[in-house]
Amino acid sequence: MKLNNRDYICPVEAVIDILGGKWKLLILRELMSGTKRFSQLRRAIPNITQKMLSKQLRELEERGIVKRTVYPQVPPKVEYSLTPIGKKLSKVFDAMHQWGAEYIKTYLR
């Protein structure tokens, strides 16, 4: 299977490439609850720099996971939301939440 000019052995490898990294899952977690402005994402993820948030949002937009909407007003208003394929990640996040809660309860007490 080929994506972004790369050959993948399996779909999981593609998912890791698309969603991997320290910040993308945290950004997506915030967008699961609805449309957000850049400043809202910045406040929700306090340790991310402005530059890194911009970079990660741009990559998620390029990959069709996040939609960026610019409103023609002064000052400019920009909002970020999940695309239909991005919204399908909600089941993945639910499963990760359940797994994480179980892991914490069992191994991190």
PDB file of N, CA and C in Angstrom:
ATOM      1  N   MET A   1       0.853  -1.162   0.000  1.00  0.00           N
ATOM      2  CA  MET A   1       0.000   0.000   0.000  1.00  0.00           C
ATOM      3  C   MET A   1       0.903   1.230   0.000  1.00  0.00           C
ATOM      4  N   LYS A   2       0.508   2.268  -0.741  1.00  0.00           N
ATOM      5  CA  LYS A   2       1.333   3.463  -0.886  1.00  0.00           C
ATOM      6  C   LYS A   2       0.557   4.691  -0.425  1.00  0.00           C
ATOM      7  N   LEU A   3       1.233   5.556   0.346  1.00  0.00           N
ATOM      8  CA  LEU A   3       0.655   6.799   0.833  1.00  0.00           C
ATOM      9  C   LEU A   3       1.792   7.783   1.007  1.00  0.00           C
ATOM     10  N   ASN A   4       1.609   9.005   0.538  1.00  0.00           N
ATOM     11  CA  ASN A   4       2.653  10.027   0.664  1.00  0.00           C
ATOM     12  C   ASN A   4       3.989   9.548   0.104  1.00  0.00           C
ATOM     13  N   ASN A   5       3.928   8.852  -1.032  1.00  0.00           N
ATOM     14  CA  ASN A   5       5.124   8.327  -1.692  1.00  0.00           C
ATOM     15  C   ASN A   5       5.899   7.342  -0.829  1.00  0.00           C
ATOM     16  N   ARG A   6       5.221   6.696   0.108  1.00  0.00           N
ATOM     17  CA  ARG A   6       5.849   5.676   0.946  1.00  0.00           C
ATOM     18  C   ARG A   6       5.084   4.380   0.789  1.00  0.00           C
ATOM     19  N   ASP A   7       5.817   3.298   0.855  1.00  0.00           N
ATOM     20  CA  ASP A   7       5.193   1.977   0.853  1.00  0.00           C
ATOM     21  C   ASP A   7       4.993   1.538   2.294  1.00  0.00           C
ATOM     22  N   TYR A   8       3.806   1.055   2.595  1.00  0.00           N
ATOM     23  CA  TYR A   8       3.493   0.579   3.935  1.00  0.00           C
ATOM     24  C   TYR A   8       3.232  -0.914   3.899  1.00  0.00           C
ATOM     25  N   ILE A   9       3.722  -1.590   4.911  1.00  0.00           N
ATOM     26  CA  ILE A   9       3.521  -3.026   5.030  1.00  0.00           C
ATOM     27  C   ILE A   9       2.085  -3.322   5.447  1.00  0.00           C
ATOM     28  N   CYS A  10       1.538  -2.479   6.329  1.00  0.00           N
ATOM     29  CA  CYS A  10       0.172  -2.699   6.805  1.00  0.00           C
ATOM     30  C   CYS A  10      -0.480  -1.361   7.158  1.00  0.00           C
ATOM     31  N   PRO A  11      -1.803  -1.328   7.307  1.00  0.00           N
ATOM     32  CA  PRO A  11      -2.507  -0.087   7.634  1.00  0.00           C
ATOM     33  C   PRO A  11      -2.066   0.546   8.953  1.00  0.00           C
ATOM     34  N   VAL A  12      -1.676  -0.269   9.930  1.00  0.00           N
ATOM     35  CA  VAL A  12      -1.239   0.280  11.222  1.00  0.00           C
ATOM     36  C   VAL A  12      -0.004   1.154  11.037  1.00  0.00           C
ATOM     37  N   GLU A  13       0.892   0.741  10.170  1.00  0.00           N
ATOM     38  CA  GLU A  13       2.085   1.535   9.887  1.00  0.00           C
ATOM     39  C   GLU A  13       1.698   2.893   9.296  1.00  0.00           C
ATOM     40  N   ALA A  14       0.704   2.914   8.423  1.00  0.00           N
ATOM     41  CA  ALA A  14       0.228   4.176   7.845  1.00  0.00           C
ATOM     42  C   ALA A  14      -0.383   5.066   8.915  1.00  0.00           C
ATOM     43  N   VAL A  15      -1.176   4.477   9.822  1.00  0.00           N
ATOM     44  CA  VAL A  15      -1.796   5.249  10.905  1.00  0.00           C
ATOM     45  C   VAL A  15      -0.724   5.884  11.785  1.00  0.00           C
ATOM     46  N   ILE A  16       0.304   5.121  12.121  1.00  0.00           N
ATOM     47  CA  ILE A  16       1.387   5.652  12.951  1.00  0.00           C
ATOM     48  C   ILE A  16       2.066   6.815  12.242  1.00  0.00           C
ATOM     49  N   ASP A  17       2.265   6.691  10.940  1.00  0.00           N
ATOM     50  CA  ASP A  17       2.892   7.773  10.179  1.00  0.00           C
ATOM     51  C   ASP A  17       2.003   9.014  10.142  1.00  0.00           C
ATOM     52  N   ILE A  18       0.708   8.831   9.983  1.00  0.00           N
ATOM     53  CA  ILE A  18      -0.223   9.952   9.869  1.00  0.00           C
ATOM     54  C   ILE A  18      -0.467  10.624  11.212  1.00  0.00           C
ATOM     55  N   LEU A  19      -0.628   9.834  12.273  1.00  0.00           N
ATOM     56  CA  LEU A  19      -1.021  10.382  13.574  1.00  0.00           C
ATOM     57  C   LEU A  19       0.104  10.385  14.602  1.00  0.00           C
ATOM     58  N   GLY A  20       1.265   9.888  14.224  1.00  0.00           N
ATOM     59  CA  GLY A  20       2.363   9.770  15.177  1.00  0.00           C
ATOM     60  C   GLY A  20       2.927  11.108  15.613  1.00  0.00           C
ATOM     61  N   GLY A  21       3.698  11.049  16.657  1.00  0.00           N
ATOM     62  CA  GLY A  21       4.312  12.249  17.208  1.00  0.00           C
ATOM     63  C   GLY A  21       3.706  12.590  18.555  1.00  0.00           C
ATOM     64  N   LYS A  22       4.324  13.526  19.212  1.00  0.00           N
ATOM     65  CA  LYS A  22       3.934  13.880  20.578  1.00  0.00           C
ATOM     66  C   LYS A  22       2.607  14.623  20.654  1.00  0.00           C
ATOM     67  N   TRP A  23       2.261  15.397  19.640  1.00  0.00           N
ATOM     68  CA  TRP A  23       1.164  16.353  19.775  1.00  0.00           C
ATOM     69  C   TRP A  23      -0.108  16.038  19.004  1.00  0.00           C
ATOM     70  N   LYS A  24      -0.026  15.302  17.921  1.00  0.00           N
ATOM     71  CA  LYS A  24      -1.196  15.143  17.048  1.00  0.00           C
ATOM     72  C   LYS A  24      -2.391  14.524  17.761  1.00  0.00           C
ATOM     73  N   LEU A  25      -2.159  13.507  18.556  1.00  0.00           N
ATOM     74  CA  LEU A  25      -3.285  12.871  19.248  1.00  0.00           C
ATOM     75  C   LEU A  25      -3.908  13.809  20.267  1.00  0.00           C
ATOM     76  N   LEU A  26      -3.094  14.641  20.906  1.00  0.00           N
ATOM     77  CA  LEU A  26      -3.638  15.609  21.867  1.00  0.00           C
ATOM     78  C   LEU A  26      -4.466  16.672  21.152  1.00  0.00           C
ATOM     79  N   ILE A  27      -4.005  17.105  19.997  1.00  0.00           N
ATOM     80  CA  ILE A  27      -4.764  18.074  19.196  1.00  0.00           C
ATOM     81  C   ILE A  27      -6.100  17.458  18.778  1.00  0.00           C
ATOM     82  N   LEU A  28      -6.044  16.242  18.281  1.00  0.00           N
ATOM     83  CA  LEU A  28      -7.269  15.569  17.844  1.00  0.00           C
ATOM     84  C   LEU A  28      -8.218  15.331  19.009  1.00  0.00           C
ATOM     85  N   ARG A  29      -7.681  15.001  20.168  1.00  0.00           N
ATOM     86  CA  ARG A  29      -8.527  14.817  21.357  1.00  0.00           C
ATOM     87  C   ARG A  29      -9.323  16.083  21.637  1.00  0.00           C
ATOM     88  N   GLU A  30      -8.679  17.234  21.524  1.00  0.00           N
ATOM     89  CA  GLU A  30      -9.366  18.504  21.765  1.00  0.00           C
ATOM     90  C   GLU A  30     -10.428  18.778  20.709  1.00  0.00           C
ATOM     91  N   LEU A  31     -10.142  18.416  19.472  1.00  0.00           N
ATOM     92  CA  LEU A  31     -11.095  18.667  18.388  1.00  0.00           C
ATOM     93  C   LEU A  31     -12.266  17.685  18.396  1.00  0.00           C
ATOM     94  N   MET A  32     -12.129  16.582  19.126  1.00  0.00           N
ATOM     95  CA  MET A  32     -13.238  15.621  19.237  1.00  0.00           C
ATOM     96  C   MET A  32     -14.473  16.275  19.854  1.00  0.00           C
ATOM     97  N   SER A  33     -14.265  17.271  20.708  1.00  0.00           N
ATOM     98  CA  SER A  33     -15.408  17.919  21.370  1.00  0.00           C
ATOM     99  C   SER A  33     -15.994  19.055  20.538  1.00  0.00           C
ATOM    100  N   GLY A  34     -15.410  19.325  19.373  1.00  0.00           N
ATOM    101  CA  GLY A  34     -15.972  20.342  18.493  1.00  0.00           C
ATOM    102  C   GLY A  34     -14.934  21.297  17.948  1.00  0.00           C
ATOM    103  N   THR A  35     -15.401  22.222  17.140  1.00  0.00           N
ATOM    104  CA  THR A  35     -14.564  23.211  16.476  1.00  0.00           C
ATOM    105  C   THR A  35     -13.854  24.081  17.503  1.00  0.00           C
ATOM    106  N   LYS A  36     -12.580  24.371  17.221  1.00  0.00           N
ATOM    107  CA  LYS A  36     -11.780  25.193  18.129  1.00  0.00           C
ATOM    108  C   LYS A  36     -10.975  26.219  17.338  1.00  0.00           C
ATOM    109  N   ARG A  37     -10.711  27.331  17.986  1.00  0.00           N
ATOM    110  CA  ARG A  37      -9.788  28.319  17.429  1.00  0.00           C
ATOM    111  C   ARG A  37      -8.381  27.966  17.897  1.00  0.00           C
ATOM    112  N   PHE A  38      -7.393  28.543  17.230  1.00  0.00           N
ATOM    113  CA  PHE A  38      -5.992  28.267  17.533  1.00  0.00           C
ATOM    114  C   PHE A  38      -5.704  28.534  19.005  1.00  0.00           C
ATOM    115  N   SER A  39      -6.162  29.670  19.511  1.00  0.00           N
ATOM    116  CA  SER A  39      -5.879  30.040  20.904  1.00  0.00           C
ATOM    117  C   SER A  39      -6.511  29.055  21.890  1.00  0.00           C
ATOM    118  N   GLN A  40      -7.661  28.505  21.548  1.00  0.00           N
ATOM    119  CA  GLN A  40      -8.297  27.509  22.416  1.00  0.00           C
ATOM    120  C   GLN A  40      -7.467  26.230  22.472  1.00  0.00           C
ATOM    121  N   LEU A  41      -6.943  25.830  21.334  1.00  0.00           N
ATOM    122  CA  LEU A  41      -6.081  24.649  21.302  1.00  0.00           C
ATOM    123  C   LEU A  41      -4.804  24.902  22.097  1.00  0.00           C
ATOM    124  N   ARG A  42      -4.263  26.080  21.946  1.00  0.00           N
ATOM    125  CA  ARG A  42      -3.041  26.453  22.666  1.00  0.00           C
ATOM    126  C   ARG A  42      -3.247  26.383  24.174  1.00  0.00           C
ATOM    127  N   ARG A  43      -4.383  26.876  24.652  1.00  0.00           N
ATOM    128  CA  ARG A  43      -4.678  26.830  26.096  1.00  0.00           C
ATOM    129  C   ARG A  43      -4.915  25.398  26.577  1.00  0.00           C
ATOM    130  N   ALA A  44      -5.545  24.593  25.750  1.00  0.00           N
ATOM    131  CA  ALA A  44      -5.870  23.217  26.133  1.00  0.00           C
ATOM    132  C   ALA A  44      -4.640  22.312  26.172  1.00  0.00           C
ATOM    133  N   ILE A  45      -3.617  22.684  25.403  1.00  0.00           N
ATOM    134  CA  ILE A  45      -2.371  21.905  25.347  1.00  0.00           C
ATOM    135  C   ILE A  45      -1.233  22.856  25.731  1.00  0.00           C
ATOM    136  N   PRO A  46      -1.067  23.150  27.010  1.00  0.00           N
ATOM    137  CA  PRO A  46      -0.192  24.236  27.448  1.00  0.00           C
ATOM    138  C   PRO A  46       1.289  24.091  27.103  1.00  0.00           C
ATOM    139  N   ASN A  47       1.801  22.897  26.938  1.00  0.00           N
ATOM    140  CA  ASN A  47       3.236  22.750  26.683  1.00  0.00           C
ATOM    141  C   ASN A  47       3.624  22.804  25.210  1.00  0.00           C
ATOM    142  N   ILE A  48       2.658  22.901  24.325  1.00  0.00           N
ATOM    143  CA  ILE A  48       2.970  22.963  22.896  1.00  0.00           C
ATOM    144  C   ILE A  48       3.292  24.408  22.519  1.00  0.00           C
ATOM    145  N   THR A  49       4.315  24.579  21.694  1.00  0.00           N
ATOM    146  CA  THR A  49       4.656  25.924  21.235  1.00  0.00           C
ATOM    147  C   THR A  49       3.723  26.325  20.096  1.00  0.00           C
ATOM    148  N   GLN A  50       3.650  27.607  19.855  1.00  0.00           N
ATOM    149  CA  GLN A  50       2.818  28.120  18.766  1.00  0.00           C
ATOM    150  C   GLN A  50       3.287  27.552  17.431  1.00  0.00           C
ATOM    151  N   LYS A  51       4.595  27.515  17.249  1.00  0.00           N
ATOM    152  CA  LYS A  51       5.168  27.008  16.002  1.00  0.00           C
ATOM    153  C   LYS A  51       4.818  25.528  15.793  1.00  0.00           C
ATOM    154  N   MET A  52       4.932  24.738  16.851  1.00  0.00           N
ATOM    155  CA  MET A  52       4.646  23.305  16.736  1.00  0.00           C
ATOM    156  C   MET A  52       3.152  23.057  16.512  1.00  0.00           C
ATOM    157  N   LEU A  53       2.299  23.814  17.191  1.00  0.00           N
ATOM    158  CA  LEU A  53       0.860  23.667  16.984  1.00  0.00           C
ATOM    159  C   LEU A  53       0.503  23.979  15.534  1.00  0.00           C
ATOM    160  N   SER A  54       1.072  25.041  15.000  1.00  0.00           N
ATOM    161  CA  SER A  54       0.831  25.398  13.590  1.00  0.00           C
ATOM    162  C   SER A  54       1.282  24.285  12.657  1.00  0.00           C
ATOM    163  N   LYS A  55       2.463  23.751  12.911  1.00  0.00           N
ATOM    164  CA  LYS A  55       3.019  22.689  12.069  1.00  0.00           C
ATOM    165  C   LYS A  55       2.141  21.437  12.115  1.00  0.00           C
ATOM    166  N   GLN A  56       1.744  21.030  13.307  1.00  0.00           N
ATOM    167  CA  GLN A  56       0.941  19.821  13.456  1.00  0.00           C
ATOM    168  C   GLN A  56      -0.443  19.988  12.824  1.00  0.00           C
ATOM    169  N   LEU A  57      -1.057  21.150  13.020  1.00  0.00           N
ATOM    170  CA  LEU A  57      -2.358  21.416  12.397  1.00  0.00           C
ATOM    171  C   LEU A  57      -2.249  21.395  10.876  1.00  0.00           C
ATOM    172  N   ARG A  58      -1.184  21.977  10.351  1.00  0.00           N
ATOM    173  CA  ARG A  58      -0.973  21.995   8.903  1.00  0.00           C
ATOM    174  C   ARG A  58      -0.837  20.564   8.365  1.00  0.00           C
ATOM    175  N   GLU A  59      -0.066  19.723   9.067  1.00  0.00           N
ATOM    176  CA  GLU A  59       0.102  18.336   8.630  1.00  0.00           C
ATOM    177  C   GLU A  59      -1.222  17.573   8.685  1.00  0.00           C
ATOM    178  N   LEU A  60      -1.982  17.773   9.743  1.00  0.00           N
ATOM    179  CA  LEU A  60      -3.280  17.104   9.855  1.00  0.00           C
ATOM    180  C   LEU A  60      -4.246  17.589   8.775  1.00  0.00           C
ATOM    181  N   GLU A  61      -4.146  18.864   8.427  1.00  0.00           N
ATOM    182  CA  GLU A  61      -4.977  19.411   7.349  1.00  0.00           C
ATOM    183  C   GLU A  61      -4.565  18.814   6.003  1.00  0.00           C
ATOM    184  N   GLU A  62      -3.263  18.742   5.746  1.00  0.00           N
ATOM    185  CA  GLU A  62      -2.759  18.183   4.487  1.00  0.00           C
ATOM    186  C   GLU A  62      -3.177  16.729   4.310  1.00  0.00           C
ATOM    187  N   ARG A  63      -3.329  16.022   5.411  1.00  0.00           N
ATOM    188  CA  ARG A  63      -3.683  14.603   5.355  1.00  0.00           C
ATOM    189  C   ARG A  63      -5.187  14.364   5.412  1.00  0.00           C
ATOM    190  N   GLY A  64      -5.956  15.454   5.428  1.00  0.00           N
ATOM    191  CA  GLY A  64      -7.404  15.325   5.354  1.00  0.00           C
ATOM    192  C   GLY A  64      -8.096  14.994   6.661  1.00  0.00           C
ATOM    193  N   ILE A  65      -7.398  15.146   7.782  1.00  0.00           N
ATOM    194  CA  ILE A  65      -7.960  14.811   9.092  1.00  0.00           C
ATOM    195  C   ILE A  65      -8.634  16.033   9.718  1.00  0.00           C
ATOM    196  N   VAL A  66      -8.052  17.198   9.486  1.00  0.00           N
ATOM    197  CA  VAL A  66      -8.534  18.457  10.072  1.00  0.00           C
ATOM    198  C   VAL A  66      -8.892  19.428   8.957  1.00  0.00           C
ATOM    199  N   LYS A  67      -9.960  20.173   9.177  1.00  0.00           N
ATOM    200  CA  LYS A  67     -10.376  21.223   8.242  1.00  0.00           C
ATOM    201  C   LYS A  67     -10.079  22.579   8.878  1.00  0.00           C
ATOM    202  N   ARG A  68      -9.473  23.449   8.104  1.00  0.00           N
ATOM    203  CA  ARG A  68      -9.172  24.818   8.545  1.00  0.00           C
ATOM    204  C   ARG A  68     -10.130  25.754   7.821  1.00  0.00           C
ATOM    205  N   THR A  69     -10.874  26.545   8.590  1.00  0.00           N
ATOM    206  CA  THR A  69     -11.827  27.488   8.009  1.00  0.00           C
ATOM    207  C   THR A  69     -11.404  28.896   8.375  1.00  0.00           C
ATOM    208  N   VAL A  70     -11.199  29.728   7.344  1.00  0.00           N
ATOM    209  CA  VAL A  70     -10.814  31.128   7.548  1.00  0.00           C
ATOM    210  C   VAL A  70     -12.016  31.995   7.218  1.00  0.00           C
ATOM    211  N   TYR A  71     -12.384  32.858   8.152  1.00  0.00           N
ATOM    212  CA  TYR A  71     -13.513  33.768   7.953  1.00  0.00           C
ATOM    213  C   TYR A  71     -12.984  35.130   7.525  1.00  0.00           C
ATOM    214  N   PRO A  72     -13.589  35.728   6.486  1.00  0.00           N
ATOM    215  CA  PRO A  72     -13.108  37.013   5.963  1.00  0.00           C
ATOM    216  C   PRO A  72     -13.545  38.178   6.853  1.00  0.00           C
ATOM    217  N   GLN A  73     -12.814  38.395   7.896  1.00  0.00           N
ATOM    218  CA  GLN A  73     -13.107  39.509   8.792  1.00  0.00           C
ATOM    219  C   GLN A  73     -11.808  40.030   9.381  1.00  0.00           C
ATOM    220  N   VAL A  74     -11.887  41.188  10.009  1.00  0.00           N
ATOM    221  CA  VAL A  74     -10.718  41.790  10.649  1.00  0.00           C
ATOM    222  C   VAL A  74     -11.023  41.920  12.132  1.00  0.00           C
ATOM    223  N   PRO A  75     -10.175  41.377  12.992  1.00  0.00           N
ATOM    224  CA  PRO A  75      -9.016  40.523  12.685  1.00  0.00           C
ATOM    225  C   PRO A  75      -9.473  39.168  12.146  1.00  0.00           C
ATOM    226  N   PRO A  76      -8.562  38.483  11.449  1.00  0.00           N
ATOM    227  CA  PRO A  76      -8.928  37.200  10.847  1.00  0.00           C
ATOM    228  C   PRO A  76      -9.387  36.200  11.906  1.00  0.00           C
ATOM    229  N   LYS A  77     -10.394  35.443  11.557  1.00  0.00           N
ATOM    230  CA  LYS A  77     -10.891  34.385  12.438  1.00  0.00           C
ATOM    231  C   LYS A  77     -10.648  33.058  11.732  1.00  0.00           C
ATOM    232  N   VAL A  78      -9.937  32.157  12.413  1.00  0.00           N
ATOM    233  CA  VAL A  78      -9.624  30.845  11.855  1.00  0.00           C
ATOM    234  C   VAL A  78     -10.100  29.791  12.845  1.00  0.00           C
ATOM    235  N   GLU A  79     -10.804  28.796  12.328  1.00  0.00           N
ATOM    236  CA  GLU A  79     -11.287  27.705  13.167  1.00  0.00           C
ATOM    237  C   GLU A  79     -10.818  26.367  12.601  1.00  0.00           C
ATOM    238  N   TYR A  80     -10.639  25.429  13.498  1.00  0.00           N
ATOM    239  CA  TYR A  80     -10.210  24.082  13.132  1.00  0.00           C
ATOM    240  C   TYR A  80     -11.272  23.088  13.580  1.00  0.00           C
ATOM    241  N   SER A  81     -11.553  22.136  12.718  1.00  0.00           N
ATOM    242  CA  SER A  81     -12.531  21.097  13.039  1.00  0.00           C
ATOM    243  C   SER A  81     -12.096  19.796  12.376  1.00  0.00           C
ATOM    244  N   LEU A  82     -12.718  18.727  12.795  1.00  0.00           N
ATOM    245  CA  LEU A  82     -12.422  17.429  12.199  1.00  0.00           C
ATOM    246  C   LEU A  82     -13.213  17.254  10.909  1.00  0.00           C
ATOM    247  N   THR A  83     -12.591  16.648   9.936  1.00  0.00           N
ATOM    248  CA  THR A  83     -13.272  16.268   8.702  1.00  0.00           C
ATOM    249  C   THR A  83     -14.075  14.992   8.991  1.00  0.00           C
ATOM    250  N   PRO A  84     -14.910  14.559   8.065  1.00  0.00           N
ATOM    251  CA  PRO A  84     -15.640  13.303   8.295  1.00  0.00           C
ATOM    252  C   PRO A  84     -14.717  12.120   8.616  1.00  0.00           C
ATOM    253  N   ILE A  85     -13.592  12.015   7.919  1.00  0.00           N
ATOM    254  CA  ILE A  85     -12.668  10.904   8.216  1.00  0.00           C
ATOM    255  C   ILE A  85     -11.997  11.121   9.571  1.00  0.00           C
ATOM    256  N   GLY A  86     -11.765  12.371   9.951  1.00  0.00           N
ATOM    257  CA  GLY A  86     -11.211  12.665  11.273  1.00  0.00           C
ATOM    258  C   GLY A  86     -12.174  12.294  12.384  1.00  0.00           C
ATOM    259  N   LYS A  87     -13.460  12.527  12.153  1.00  0.00           N
ATOM    260  CA  LYS A  87     -14.478  12.185  13.159  1.00  0.00           C
ATOM    261  C   LYS A  87     -14.557  10.682  13.398  1.00  0.00           C
ATOM    262  N   LYS A  88     -14.194   9.903  12.394  1.00  0.00           N
ATOM    263  CA  LYS A  88     -14.214   8.448  12.556  1.00  0.00           C
ATOM    264  C   LYS A  88     -13.176   7.975  13.568  1.00  0.00           C
ATOM    265  N   LEU A  89     -12.243   8.832  13.916  1.00  0.00           N
ATOM    266  CA  LEU A  89     -11.247   8.480  14.933  1.00  0.00           C
ATOM    267  C   LEU A  89     -11.838   8.435  16.339  1.00  0.00           C
ATOM    268  N   SER A  90     -13.067   8.889  16.511  1.00  0.00           N
ATOM    269  CA  SER A  90     -13.659   8.902  17.856  1.00  0.00           C
ATOM    270  C   SER A  90     -13.705   7.497  18.454  1.00  0.00           C
ATOM    271  N   LYS A  91     -13.965   6.494  17.650  1.00  0.00           N
ATOM    272  CA  LYS A  91     -13.976   5.114  18.146  1.00  0.00           C
ATOM    273  C   LYS A  91     -12.577   4.684  18.587  1.00  0.00           C
ATOM    274  N   VAL A  92     -11.582   5.134  17.861  1.00  0.00           N
ATOM    275  CA  VAL A  92     -10.195   4.831  18.222  1.00  0.00           C
ATOM    276  C   VAL A  92      -9.858   5.500  19.552  1.00  0.00           C
ATOM    277  N   PHE A  93     -10.270   6.747  19.719  1.00  0.00           N
ATOM    278  CA  PHE A  93     -10.011   7.465  20.970  1.00  0.00           C
ATOM    279  C   PHE A  93     -10.740   6.821  22.139  1.00  0.00           C
ATOM    280  N   ASP A  94     -11.958   6.367  21.922  1.00  0.00           N
ATOM    281  CA  ASP A  94     -12.691   5.664  22.981  1.00  0.00           C
ATOM    282  C   ASP A  94     -11.930   4.411  23.416  1.00  0.00           C
ATOM    283  N   ALA A  95     -11.453   3.649  22.444  1.00  0.00           N
ATOM    284  CA  ALA A  95     -10.701   2.427  22.753  1.00  0.00           C
ATOM    285  C   ALA A  95      -9.396   2.758  23.475  1.00  0.00           C
ATOM    286  N   MET A  96      -8.700   3.803  23.035  1.00  0.00           N
ATOM    287  CA  MET A  96      -7.451   4.199  23.696  1.00  0.00           C
ATOM    288  C   MET A  96      -7.721   4.665  25.120  1.00  0.00           C
ATOM    289  N   HIS A  97      -8.828   5.371  25.325  1.00  0.00           N
ATOM    290  CA  HIS A  97      -9.189   5.835  26.663  1.00  0.00           C
ATOM    291  C   HIS A  97      -9.435   4.642  27.591  1.00  0.00           C
ATOM    292  N   GLN A  98     -10.197   3.681  27.112  1.00  0.00           N
ATOM    293  CA  GLN A  98     -10.483   2.491  27.922  1.00  0.00           C
ATOM    294  C   GLN A  98      -9.206   1.716  28.228  1.00  0.00           C
ATOM    295  N   TRP A  99      -8.369   1.532  27.226  1.00  0.00           N
ATOM    296  CA  TRP A  99      -7.121   0.810  27.422  1.00  0.00           C
ATOM    297  C   TRP A  99      -6.228   1.556  28.406  1.00  0.00           C
ATOM    298  N   GLY A 100      -6.111   2.876  28.235  1.00  0.00           N
ATOM    299  CA  GLY A 100      -5.278   3.682  29.123  1.00  0.00           C
ATOM    300  C   GLY A 100      -5.756   3.638  30.559  1.00  0.00           C
ATOM    301  N   ALA A 101      -7.062   3.722  30.764  1.00  0.00           N
ATOM    302  CA  ALA A 101      -7.617   3.669  32.121  1.00  0.00           C
ATOM    303  C   ALA A 101      -7.313   2.323  32.772  1.00  0.00           C
ATOM    304  N   GLU A 102      -7.465   1.249  32.002  1.00  0.00           N
ATOM    305  CA  GLU A 102      -7.171  -0.085  32.530  1.00  0.00           C
ATOM    306  C   GLU A 102      -5.684  -0.230  32.849  1.00  0.00           C
ATOM    307  N   TYR A 103      -4.843   0.261  31.962  1.00  0.00           N
ATOM    308  CA  TYR A 103      -3.395   0.168  32.173  1.00  0.00           C
ATOM    309  C   TYR A 103      -2.983   0.938  33.425  1.00  0.00           C
ATOM    310  N   ILE A 104      -3.482   2.152  33.562  1.00  0.00           N
ATOM    311  CA  ILE A 104      -3.155   2.971  34.734  1.00  0.00           C
ATOM    312  C   ILE A 104      -3.606   2.268  36.011  1.00  0.00           C
ATOM    313  N   LYS A 105      -4.815   1.753  35.995  1.00  0.00           N
ATOM    314  CA  LYS A 105      -5.365   1.076  37.175  1.00  0.00           C
ATOM    315  C   LYS A 105      -4.539  -0.155  37.543  1.00  0.00           C
ATOM    316  N   THR A 106      -4.099  -0.899  36.539  1.00  0.00           N
ATOM    317  CA  THR A 106      -3.395  -2.155  36.781  1.00  0.00           C
ATOM    318  C   THR A 106      -1.903  -1.981  37.043  1.00  0.00           C
ATOM    319  N   TYR A 107      -1.252  -1.118  36.278  1.00  0.00           N
ATOM    320  CA  TYR A 107       0.209  -1.073  36.312  1.00  0.00           C
ATOM    321  C   TYR A 107       0.816   0.175  36.933  1.00  0.00           C
ATOM    322  N   LEU A 108       0.058   1.221  37.082  1.00  0.00           N
ATOM    323  CA  LEU A 108       0.650   2.469  37.565  1.00  0.00           C
ATOM    324  C   LEU A 108       0.145   2.879  38.936  1.00  0.00           C
ATOM    325  N   ARG A 109      -0.335   1.944  39.698  1.00  0.00           N
ATOM    326  CA  ARG A 109      -0.818   2.253  41.055  1.00  0.00           C
ATOM    327  C   ARG A 109       0.299   2.370  42.016  1.00  0.00           C
TER     328      ARG A 109
END
